[in-house]
Amino acid sequence: IASNNSVLKTSCFRKAYISFMFRSYDDAKEHVLKFFACRENAWANLMANHINHALYTGLISYWVARKSRDGQKCYDRGNECKMTLKRWAESSQWTFVNKWYLLEAEESFTNNDFEAA
């Protein structure tokens, strides 16, 4: 697993997702950072995986940005994920716009704009 970035990326995503669902901040942060580290050198995802990765790594990134002092990098990654979902939403509003809106709300929440969130 350690030498195959595509397998490692999937493994890190699953661990980050599970940690996020069980609200284990430290584990979610560790695994999402590993996910982003190996993402660039990994093979492309299938469409469904790409959408799930963008949604959940975006949610985790905004969560990490809110809880850490040096959260700007995670905030930027959350925005990157949000823009990925925006492109999907532009192609099929019915299917993807709700996911894009969720990341928009998370960004507003991260910026302490509770009314917009």
Foldseek 3Di string as FASTA:
>chain_A
DVVALQVLLVVLLVQLQVCVVVVVLVSNVVSLVSNVVSVVVHDDDDPVVLLVSLLSLLLSLLVVLLVDPPSPVSLVSNVVSLVVLVVVCVVPVVPRVVSSQVSVCSNCVSVVVNVSD
